Amino acid sequence: MQPPEHIDNDIAQGRLRLHWADAVVALSHVILREACRCAECQFKRHHGTPINVPANVRVTTVEPAGYGMQLVFSDGHARGIYPWAYLAELAATAAAG
């Protein structure tokens, strides 16, 4: 999957918007933090340990990472790459729910 043409990080609203040619996807910072794919977060989910995400967590930095992006959160979490296809899946799940 190709990277989006443009990314907006709305810190005040807690939303990340990804602009592809055929779609604009908006994801909340909380959902992104809860969905982290780093080894630590995947281990916690696999073992039923909750990932405690503050309701006011924000994405403070967006770093390109080739096939996706790395997000730095206000709670200090800065691990895990979010592939473009995974972000599209998250958006589809959020829209359906």
PDB file of N, CA and C in Angstrom:
ATOM      1  N   MET A   1       0.848  -1.175   0.000  1.00  0.00           N
ATOM      2  CA  MET A   1       0.000   0.000   0.000  1.00  0.00           C
ATOM      3  C   MET A   1       0.899   1.245   0.000  1.00  0.00           C
ATOM      4  N   GLN A   2       0.482   2.219  -0.768  1.00  0.00           N
ATOM      5  CA  GLN A   2       1.232   3.466  -0.881  1.00  0.00           C
ATOM      6  C   GLN A   2       1.021   4.348   0.346  1.00  0.00           C
ATOM      7  N   PRO A   3       2.003   5.170   0.678  1.00  0.00           N
ATOM      8  CA  PRO A   3       1.811   6.108   1.792  1.00  0.00           C
ATOM      9  C   PRO A   3       0.775   7.160   1.414  1.00  0.00           C
ATOM     10  N   PRO A   4       0.148   7.763   2.407  1.00  0.00           N
ATOM     11  CA  PRO A   4      -0.802   8.828   2.111  1.00  0.00           C
ATOM     12  C   PRO A   4      -0.088  10.027   1.491  1.00  0.00           C
ATOM     13  N   GLU A   5      -0.857  10.829   0.758  1.00  0.00           N
ATOM     14  CA  GLU A   5      -0.296  12.032   0.138  1.00  0.00           C
ATOM     15  C   GLU A   5      -0.008  13.107   1.180  1.00  0.00           C
ATOM     16  N   HIS A   6      -0.773  13.077   2.258  1.00  0.00           N
ATOM     17  CA  HIS A   6      -0.627  14.101   3.283  1.00  0.00           C
ATOM     18  C   HIS A   6      -1.112  13.541   4.620  1.00  0.00           C
ATOM     19  N   ILE A   7      -0.480  13.962   5.718  1.00  0.00           N
ATOM     20  CA  ILE A   7      -0.883  13.548   7.063  1.00  0.00           C
ATOM     21  C   ILE A   7      -1.070  14.799   7.905  1.00  0.00           C
ATOM     22  N   ASP A   8      -2.219  14.909   8.558  1.00  0.00           N
ATOM     23  CA  ASP A   8      -2.496  16.001   9.492  1.00  0.00           C
ATOM     24  C   ASP A   8      -2.581  15.414  10.893  1.00  0.00           C
ATOM     25  N   ASN A   9      -1.885  16.016  11.823  1.00  0.00           N
ATOM     26  CA  ASN A   9      -1.971  15.601  13.217  1.00  0.00           C
ATOM     27  C   ASN A   9      -2.649  16.721  13.995  1.00  0.00           C
ATOM     28  N   ASP A  10      -3.917  16.525  14.313  1.00  0.00           N
ATOM     29  CA  ASP A  10      -4.685  17.521  15.061  1.00  0.00           C
ATOM     30  C   ASP A  10      -4.569  17.200  16.550  1.00  0.00           C
ATOM     31  N   ILE A  11      -3.594  17.809  17.204  1.00  0.00           N
ATOM     32  CA  ILE A  11      -3.337  17.519  18.613  1.00  0.00           C
ATOM     33  C   ILE A  11      -4.500  17.976  19.486  1.00  0.00           C
ATOM     34  N   ALA A  12      -5.076  19.121  19.179  1.00  0.00           N
ATOM     35  CA  ALA A  12      -6.185  19.648  19.988  1.00  0.00           C
ATOM     36  C   ALA A  12      -7.380  18.686  19.981  1.00  0.00           C
ATOM     37  N   GLN A  13      -7.695  18.129  18.831  1.00  0.00           N
ATOM     38  CA  GLN A  13      -8.831  17.211  18.710  1.00  0.00           C
ATOM     39  C   GLN A  13      -8.437  15.753  18.965  1.00  0.00           C
ATOM     40  N   GLY A  14      -7.141  15.484  19.030  1.00  0.00           N
ATOM     41  CA  GLY A  14      -6.688  14.111  19.260  1.00  0.00           C
ATOM     42  C   GLY A  14      -6.972  13.204  18.087  1.00  0.00           C
ATOM     43  N   ARG A  15      -6.771  13.722  16.867  1.00  0.00           N
ATOM     44  CA  ARG A  15      -7.043  12.950  15.648  1.00  0.00           C
ATOM     45  C   ARG A  15      -5.883  13.047  14.674  1.00  0.00           C
ATOM     46  N   LEU A  16      -5.594  11.924  14.050  1.00  0.00           N
ATOM     47  CA  LEU A  16      -4.617  11.865  12.975  1.00  0.00           C
ATOM     48  C   LEU A  16      -5.407  11.625  11.695  1.00  0.00           C
ATOM     49  N   ARG A  17      -5.199  12.477  10.684  1.00  0.00           N
ATOM     50  CA  ARG A  17      -5.899  12.327   9.406  1.00  0.00           C
ATOM     51  C   ARG A  17      -4.886  11.982   8.325  1.00  0.00           C
ATOM     52  N   LEU A  18      -5.187  10.901   7.614  1.00  0.00           N
ATOM     53  CA  LEU A  18      -4.336  10.454   6.519  1.00  0.00           C
ATOM     54  C   LEU A  18      -5.102  10.664   5.225  1.00  0.00           C
ATOM     55  N   HIS A  19      -4.494  11.390   4.305  1.00  0.00           N
ATOM     56  CA  HIS A  19      -5.145  11.754   3.035  1.00  0.00           C
ATOM     57  C   HIS A  19      -4.544  10.934   1.900  1.00  0.00           C
ATOM     58  N   TRP A  20      -5.298   9.940   1.430  1.00  0.00           N
ATOM     59  CA  TRP A  20      -4.933   9.207   0.234  1.00  0.00           C
ATOM     60  C   TRP A  20      -5.717   9.802  -0.929  1.00  0.00           C
ATOM     61  N   ALA A  21      -5.351   9.481  -2.145  1.00  0.00           N
ATOM     62  CA  ALA A  21      -6.023  10.029  -3.328  1.00  0.00           C
ATOM     63  C   ALA A  21      -7.511   9.695  -3.337  1.00  0.00           C
ATOM     64  N   ASP A  22      -7.851   8.503  -2.849  1.00  0.00           N
ATOM     65  CA  ASP A  22      -9.244   8.062  -2.915  1.00  0.00           C
ATOM     66  C   ASP A  22      -9.976   8.067  -1.574  1.00  0.00           C
ATOM     67  N   ALA A  23      -9.302   8.481  -0.509  1.00  0.00           N
ATOM     68  CA  ALA A  23      -9.960   8.460   0.805  1.00  0.00           C
ATOM     69  C   ALA A  23      -9.191   9.315   1.811  1.00  0.00           C
ATOM     70  N   VAL A  24      -9.928   9.817   2.778  1.00  0.00           N
ATOM     71  CA  VAL A  24      -9.336  10.486   3.933  1.00  0.00           C
ATOM     72  C   VAL A  24      -9.751   9.681   5.154  1.00  0.00           C
ATOM     73  N   VAL A  25      -8.776   9.306   5.957  1.00  0.00           N
ATOM     74  CA  VAL A  25      -9.002   8.464   7.116  1.00  0.00           C
ATOM     75  C   VAL A  25      -8.656   9.269   8.368  1.00  0.00           C
ATOM     76  N   ALA A  26      -9.537   9.232   9.363  1.00  0.00           N
ATOM     77  CA  ALA A  26      -9.270   9.901  10.637  1.00  0.00           C
ATOM     78  C   ALA A  26      -9.255   8.856  11.744  1.00  0.00           C
ATOM     79  N   LEU A  27      -8.206   8.892  12.563  1.00  0.00           N
ATOM     80  CA  LEU A  27      -8.070   7.957  13.678  1.00  0.00           C
ATOM     81  C   LEU A  27      -7.764   8.728  14.948  1.00  0.00           C
ATOM     82  N   SER A  28      -8.409   8.342  16.027  1.00  0.00           N
ATOM     83  CA  SER A  28      -8.154   9.012  17.291  1.00  0.00           C
ATOM     84  C   SER A  28      -6.801   8.585  17.839  1.00  0.00           C
ATOM     85  N   HIS A  29      -6.165   9.489  18.540  1.00  0.00           N
ATOM     86  CA  HIS A  29      -4.875   9.194  19.146  1.00  0.00           C
ATOM     87  C   HIS A  29      -4.997   8.062  20.163  1.00  0.00           C
ATOM     88  N   VAL A  30      -6.099   8.017  20.884  1.00  0.00           N
ATOM     89  CA  VAL A  30      -6.304   6.951  21.874  1.00  0.00           C
ATOM     90  C   VAL A  30      -6.376   5.586  21.182  1.00  0.00           C
ATOM     91  N   ILE A  31      -7.141   5.498  20.097  1.00  0.00           N
ATOM     92  CA  ILE A  31      -7.253   4.233  19.364  1.00  0.00           C
ATOM     93  C   ILE A  31      -5.888   3.812  18.829  1.00  0.00           C
ATOM     94  N   LEU A  32      -5.137   4.772  18.305  1.00  0.00           N
ATOM     95  CA  LEU A  32      -3.806   4.451  17.793  1.00  0.00           C
ATOM     96  C   LEU A  32      -2.900   3.923  18.905  1.00  0.00           C
ATOM     97  N   ARG A  33      -2.949   4.546  20.058  1.00  0.00           N
ATOM     98  CA  ARG A  33      -2.107   4.107  21.176  1.00  0.00           C
ATOM     99  C   ARG A  33      -2.521   2.716  21.644  1.00  0.00           C
ATOM    100  N   GLU A  34      -3.832   2.476  21.726  1.00  0.00           N
ATOM    101  CA  GLU A  34      -4.330   1.159  22.143  1.00  0.00           C
ATOM    102  C   GLU A  34      -3.955   0.067  21.146  1.00  0.00           C
ATOM    103  N   ALA A  35      -3.800   0.441  19.882  1.00  0.00           N
ATOM    104  CA  ALA A  35      -3.542  -0.527  18.821  1.00  0.00           C
ATOM    105  C   ALA A  35      -2.062  -0.685  18.502  1.00  0.00           C
ATOM    106  N   CYS A  36      -1.189  -0.185  19.359  1.00  0.00           N
ATOM    107  CA  CYS A  36       0.249  -0.269  19.104  1.00  0.00           C
ATOM    108  C   CYS A  36       0.653  -1.717  18.841  1.00  0.00           C
ATOM    109  N   ARG A  37       1.530  -1.870  17.848  1.00  0.00           N
ATOM    110  CA  ARG A  37       1.974  -3.207  17.461  1.00  0.00           C
ATOM    111  C   ARG A  37       3.367  -3.548  17.961  1.00  0.00           C
ATOM    112  N   CYS A  38       3.907  -2.746  18.876  1.00  0.00           N
ATOM    113  CA  CYS A  38       5.243  -3.077  19.381  1.00  0.00           C
ATOM    114  C   CYS A  38       5.182  -4.402  20.154  1.00  0.00           C
ATOM    115  N   ALA A  39       6.331  -4.996  20.364  1.00  0.00           N
ATOM    116  CA  ALA A  39       6.398  -6.295  21.043  1.00  0.00           C
ATOM    117  C   ALA A  39       5.785  -6.245  22.438  1.00  0.00           C
ATOM    118  N   GLU A  40       6.052  -5.186  23.177  1.00  0.00           N
ATOM    119  CA  GLU A  40       5.516  -5.077  24.535  1.00  0.00           C
ATOM    120  C   GLU A  40       3.986  -5.040  24.534  1.00  0.00           C
ATOM    121  N   CYS A  41       3.400  -4.221  23.680  1.00  0.00           N
ATOM    122  CA  CYS A  41       1.937  -4.112  23.637  1.00  0.00           C
ATOM    123  C   CYS A  41       1.302  -5.401  23.119  1.00  0.00           C
ATOM    124  N   GLN A  42       1.911  -6.029  22.118  1.00  0.00           N
ATOM    125  CA  GLN A  42       1.372  -7.298  21.616  1.00  0.00           C
ATOM    126  C   GLN A  42       1.445  -8.369  22.694  1.00  0.00           C
ATOM    127  N   PHE A  43       2.524  -8.398  23.455  1.00  0.00           N
ATOM    128  CA  PHE A  43       2.665  -9.356  24.552  1.00  0.00           C
ATOM    129  C   PHE A  43       1.535  -9.142  25.570  1.00  0.00           C
ATOM    130  N   LYS A  44       1.302  -7.885  25.947  1.00  0.00           N
ATOM    131  CA  LYS A  44       0.243  -7.584  26.919  1.00  0.00           C
ATOM    132  C   LYS A  44      -1.115  -8.040  26.403  1.00  0.00           C
ATOM    133  N   ARG A  45      -1.429  -7.710  25.155  1.00  0.00           N
ATOM    134  CA  ARG A  45      -2.733  -8.120  24.596  1.00  0.00           C
ATOM    135  C   ARG A  45      -2.857  -9.634  24.574  1.00  0.00           C
ATOM    136  N   HIS A  46      -1.798 -10.319  24.171  1.00  0.00           N
ATOM    137  CA  HIS A  46      -1.814 -11.777  24.087  1.00  0.00           C
ATOM    138  C   HIS A  46      -2.053 -12.422  25.450  1.00  0.00           C
ATOM    139  N   HIS A  47      -1.551 -11.794  26.511  1.00  0.00           N
ATOM    140  CA  HIS A  47      -1.702 -12.341  27.855  1.00  0.00           C
ATOM    141  C   HIS A  47      -2.844 -11.713  28.642  1.00  0.00           C
ATOM    142  N   GLY A  48      -3.674 -10.931  27.961  1.00  0.00           N
ATOM    143  CA  GLY A  48      -4.856 -10.366  28.611  1.00  0.00           C
ATOM    144  C   GLY A  48      -4.570  -9.229  29.577  1.00  0.00           C
ATOM    145  N   THR A  49      -3.380  -8.674  29.483  1.00  0.00           N
ATOM    146  CA  THR A  49      -3.020  -7.543  30.346  1.00  0.00           C
ATOM    147  C   THR A  49      -3.499  -6.261  29.682  1.00  0.00           C
ATOM    148  N   PRO A  50      -4.243  -5.440  30.385  1.00  0.00           N
ATOM    149  CA  PRO A  50      -4.737  -4.216  29.754  1.00  0.00           C
ATOM    150  C   PRO A  50      -3.609  -3.234  29.437  1.00  0.00           C
ATOM    151  N   ILE A  51      -3.785  -2.528  28.349  1.00  0.00           N
ATOM    152  CA  ILE A  51      -2.878  -1.445  27.998  1.00  0.00           C
ATOM    153  C   ILE A  51      -3.564  -0.179  28.473  1.00  0.00           C
ATOM    154  N   ASN A  52      -3.056   0.377  29.543  1.00  0.00           N
ATOM    155  CA  ASN A  52      -3.683   1.547  30.147  1.00  0.00           C
ATOM    156  C   ASN A  52      -3.307   2.798  29.372  1.00  0.00           C
ATOM    157  N   VAL A  53      -4.276   3.323  28.642  1.00  0.00           N
ATOM    158  CA  VAL A  53      -4.048   4.502  27.810  1.00  0.00           C
ATOM    159  C   VAL A  53      -4.838   5.668  28.396  1.00  0.00           C
ATOM    160  N   PRO A  54      -4.164   6.734  28.773  1.00  0.00           N
ATOM    161  CA  PRO A  54      -4.891   7.900  29.279  1.00  0.00           C
ATOM    162  C   PRO A  54      -5.821   8.465  28.199  1.00  0.00           C
ATOM    163  N   ALA A  55      -6.995   8.913  28.599  1.00  0.00           N
ATOM    164  CA  ALA A  55      -7.970   9.451  27.644  1.00  0.00           C
ATOM    165  C   ALA A  55      -7.453  10.690  26.932  1.00  0.00           C
ATOM    166  N   ASN A  56      -6.466  11.354  27.524  1.00  0.00           N
ATOM    167  CA  ASN A  56      -5.945  12.573  26.916  1.00  0.00           C
ATOM    168  C   ASN A  56      -4.604  12.345  26.209  1.00  0.00           C
ATOM    169  N   VAL A  57      -4.262  11.090  25.924  1.00  0.00           N
ATOM    170  CA  VAL A  57      -3.003  10.816  25.228  1.00  0.00           C
ATOM    171  C   VAL A  57      -3.049  11.461  23.844  1.00  0.00           C
ATOM    172  N   ARG A  58      -1.896  11.976  23.416  1.00  0.00           N
ATOM    173  CA  ARG A  58      -1.807  12.627  22.120  1.00  0.00           C
ATOM    174  C   ARG A  58      -0.583  12.126  21.375  1.00  0.00           C
ATOM    175  N   VAL A  59      -0.687  12.126  20.046  1.00  0.00           N
ATOM    176  CA  VAL A  59       0.460  11.866  19.197  1.00  0.00           C
ATOM    177  C   VAL A  59       1.227  13.179  19.110  1.00  0.00           C
ATOM    178  N   THR A  60       2.466  13.154  19.558  1.00  0.00           N
ATOM    179  CA  THR A  60       3.262  14.380  19.554  1.00  0.00           C
ATOM    180  C   THR A  60       4.182  14.475  18.340  1.00  0.00           C
ATOM    181  N   THR A  61       4.557  13.321  17.783  1.00  0.00           N
ATOM    182  CA  THR A  61       5.452  13.292  16.636  1.00  0.00           C
ATOM    183  C   THR A  61       5.051  12.164  15.697  1.00  0.00           C
ATOM    184  N   VAL A  62       5.112  12.443  14.402  1.00  0.00           N
ATOM    185  CA  VAL A  62       4.867  11.444  13.364  1.00  0.00           C
ATOM    186  C   VAL A  62       6.153  11.327  12.554  1.00  0.00           C
ATOM    187  N   GLU A  63       6.742  10.129  12.551  1.00  0.00           N
ATOM    188  CA  GLU A  63       8.000   9.896  11.843  1.00  0.00           C
ATOM    189  C   GLU A  63       7.776   8.902  10.708  1.00  0.00           C
ATOM    190  N   PRO A  64       8.095   9.267   9.469  1.00  0.00           N
ATOM    191  CA  PRO A  64       7.982   8.303   8.370  1.00  0.00           C
ATOM    192  C   PRO A  64       8.900   7.107   8.621  1.00  0.00           C
ATOM    193  N   ALA A  65       8.429   5.936   8.241  1.00  0.00           N
ATOM    194  CA  ALA A  65       9.218   4.716   8.434  1.00  0.00           C
ATOM    195  C   ALA A  65       9.092   3.792   7.221  1.00  0.00           C
ATOM    196  N   GLY A  66       9.142   4.348   6.026  1.00  0.00           N
ATOM    197  CA  GLY A  66       9.091   3.536   4.811  1.00  0.00           C
ATOM    198  C   GLY A  66       7.720   2.972   4.542  1.00  0.00           C
ATOM    199  N   TYR A  67       7.446   1.792   5.063  1.00  0.00           N
ATOM    200  CA  TYR A  67       6.176   1.105   4.819  1.00  0.00           C
ATOM    201  C   TYR A  67       5.072   1.564   5.771  1.00  0.00           C
ATOM    202  N   GLY A  68       5.377   2.547   6.599  1.00  0.00           N
ATOM    203  CA  GLY A  68       4.395   3.050   7.568  1.00  0.00           C
ATOM    204  C   GLY A  68       4.954   4.249   8.288  1.00  0.00           C
ATOM    205  N   MET A  69       4.571   4.386   9.549  1.00  0.00           N
ATOM    206  CA  MET A  69       5.083   5.501  10.335  1.00  0.00           C
ATOM    207  C   MET A  69       5.216   5.087  11.787  1.00  0.00           C
ATOM    208  N   GLN A  70       6.129   5.759  12.456  1.00  0.00           N
ATOM    209  CA  GLN A  70       6.288   5.576  13.889  1.00  0.00           C
ATOM    210  C   GLN A  70       5.652   6.779  14.565  1.00  0.00           C
ATOM    211  N   LEU A  71       4.901   6.511  15.608  1.00  0.00           N
ATOM    212  CA  LEU A  71       4.230   7.570  16.345  1.00  0.00           C
ATOM    213  C   LEU A  71       4.844   7.696  17.731  1.00  0.00           C
ATOM    214  N   VAL A  72       5.022   8.924  18.164  1.00  0.00           N
ATOM    215  CA  VAL A  72       5.488   9.203  19.520  1.00  0.00           C
ATOM    216  C   VAL A  72       4.296   9.787  20.266  1.00  0.00           C
ATOM    217  N   PHE A  73       3.987   9.200  21.415  1.00  0.00           N
ATOM    218  CA  PHE A  73       2.811   9.601  22.190  1.00  0.00           C
ATOM    219  C   PHE A  73       3.208  10.410  23.410  1.00  0.00           C
ATOM    220  N   SER A  74       2.281  11.209  23.882  1.00  0.00           N
ATOM    221  CA  SER A  74       2.525  12.072  25.036  1.00  0.00           C
ATOM    222  C   SER A  74       2.756  11.286  26.324  1.00  0.00           C
ATOM    223  N   ASP A  75       2.386  10.008  26.350  1.00  0.00           N
ATOM    224  CA  ASP A  75       2.651   9.195  27.546  1.00  0.00           C
ATOM    225  C   ASP A  75       4.054   8.592  27.514  1.00  0.00           C
ATOM    226  N   GLY A  76       4.856   8.991  26.515  1.00  0.00           N
ATOM    227  CA  GLY A  76       6.223   8.519  26.412  1.00  0.00           C
ATOM    228  C   GLY A  76       6.409   7.303  25.527  1.00  0.00           C
ATOM    229  N   HIS A  77       5.335   6.686  25.095  1.00  0.00           N
ATOM    230  CA  HIS A  77       5.437   5.486  24.268  1.00  0.00           C
ATOM    231  C   HIS A  77       5.881   5.889  22.859  1.00  0.00           C
ATOM    232  N   ALA A  78       6.907   5.239  22.363  1.00  0.00           N
ATOM    233  CA  ALA A  78       7.451   5.600  21.049  1.00  0.00           C
ATOM    234  C   ALA A  78       7.961   4.371  20.308  1.00  0.00           C
ATOM    235  N   ARG A  79       7.300   3.250  20.519  1.00  0.00           N
ATOM    236  CA  ARG A  79       7.735   2.014  19.877  1.00  0.00           C
ATOM    237  C   ARG A  79       6.692   1.584  18.866  1.00  0.00           C
ATOM    238  N   GLY A  80       7.090   0.706  18.007  1.00  0.00           N
ATOM    239  CA  GLY A  80       6.140   0.116  17.065  1.00  0.00           C
ATOM    240  C   GLY A  80       5.970   0.949  15.816  1.00  0.00           C
ATOM    241  N   ILE A  81       5.933   0.262  14.694  1.00  0.00           N
ATOM    242  CA  ILE A  81       5.679   0.884  13.400  1.00  0.00           C
ATOM    243  C   ILE A  81       4.235   0.574  13.023  1.00  0.00           C
ATOM    244  N   TYR A  82       3.549   1.566  12.517  1.00  0.00           N
ATOM    245  CA  TYR A  82       2.173   1.427  12.062  1.00  0.00           C
ATOM    246  C   TYR A  82       2.199   1.374  10.534  1.00  0.00           C
ATOM    247  N   PRO A  83       2.147   0.170   9.930  1.00  0.00           N
ATOM    248  CA  PRO A  83       2.139   0.077   8.471  1.00  0.00           C
ATOM    249  C   PRO A  83       0.888   0.738   7.884  1.00  0.00           C
ATOM    250  N   TRP A  84       1.025   1.249   6.658  1.00  0.00           N
ATOM    251  CA  TRP A  84      -0.115   1.935   6.017  1.00  0.00           C
ATOM    252  C   TRP A  84      -1.337   1.033   5.955  1.00  0.00           C
ATOM    253  N   ALA A  85      -1.159  -0.235   5.590  1.00  0.00           N
ATOM    254  CA  ALA A  85      -2.299  -1.154   5.492  1.00  0.00           C
ATOM    255  C   ALA A  85      -2.960  -1.348   6.857  1.00  0.00           C
ATOM    256  N   TYR A  86      -2.168  -1.414   7.917  1.00  0.00           N
ATOM    257  CA  TYR A  86      -2.711  -1.565   9.275  1.00  0.00           C
ATOM    258  C   TYR A  86      -3.540  -0.341   9.654  1.00  0.00           C
ATOM    259  N   LEU A  87      -3.063   0.840   9.299  1.00  0.00           N
ATOM    260  CA  LEU A  87      -3.818   2.071   9.583  1.00  0.00           C
ATOM    261  C   LEU A  87      -5.150   2.075   8.837  1.00  0.00           C
ATOM    262  N   ALA A  88      -5.151   1.593   7.595  1.00  0.00           N
ATOM    263  CA  ALA A  88      -6.412   1.512   6.841  1.00  0.00           C
ATOM    264  C   ALA A  88      -7.361   0.518   7.509  1.00  0.00           C
ATOM    265  N   GLU A  89      -6.833  -0.601   8.014  1.00  0.00           N
ATOM    266  CA  GLU A  89      -7.662  -1.575   8.749  1.00  0.00           C
ATOM    267  C   GLU A  89      -8.254  -0.966  10.002  1.00  0.00           C
ATOM    268  N   LEU A  90      -7.420  -0.236  10.755  1.00  0.00           N
ATOM    269  CA  LEU A  90      -7.910   0.414  11.968  1.00  0.00           C
ATOM    270  C   LEU A  90      -9.043   1.393  11.656  1.00  0.00           C
ATOM    271  N   ALA A  91      -8.884   2.129  10.575  1.00  0.00           N
ATOM    272  CA  ALA A  91      -9.910   3.088  10.183  1.00  0.00           C
ATOM    273  C   ALA A  91     -11.194   2.382   9.799  1.00  0.00           C
ATOM    274  N   ALA A  92     -11.099   1.285   9.083  1.00  0.00           N
ATOM    275  CA  ALA A  92     -12.288   0.526   8.691  1.00  0.00           C
ATOM    276  C   ALA A  92     -12.996  -0.038   9.920  1.00  0.00           C
ATOM    277  N   THR A  93     -12.215  -0.548  10.870  1.00  0.00           N
ATOM    278  CA  THR A  93     -12.790  -1.084  12.116  1.00  0.00           C
ATOM    279  C   THR A  93     -13.456   0.012  12.924  1.00  0.00           C
ATOM    280  N   ALA A  94     -12.820   1.171  13.023  1.00  0.00           N
ATOM    281  CA  ALA A  94     -13.379   2.292  13.783  1.00  0.00           C
ATOM    282  C   ALA A  94     -14.669   2.788  13.123  1.00  0.00           C
ATOM    283  N   ALA A  95     -14.706   2.812  11.802  1.00  0.00           N
ATOM    284  CA  ALA A  95     -15.900   3.267  11.094  1.00  0.00           C
ATOM    285  C   ALA A  95     -17.052   2.286  11.249  1.00  0.00           C
ATOM    286  N   ALA A  96     -16.741   0.989  11.328  1.00  0.00           N
ATOM    287  CA  ALA A  96     -17.780  -0.033  11.460  1.00  0.00           C
ATOM    288  C   ALA A  96     -18.316  -0.090  12.878  1.00  0.00           C
ATOM    289  N   GLY A  97     -17.502   0.324  13.849  1.00  0.00           N
ATOM    290  CA  GLY A  97     -17.891   0.198  15.253  1.00  0.00           C
ATOM    291  C   GLY A  97     -18.530   1.399  15.735  1.00  0.00           C
TER     292      GLY A  97
END
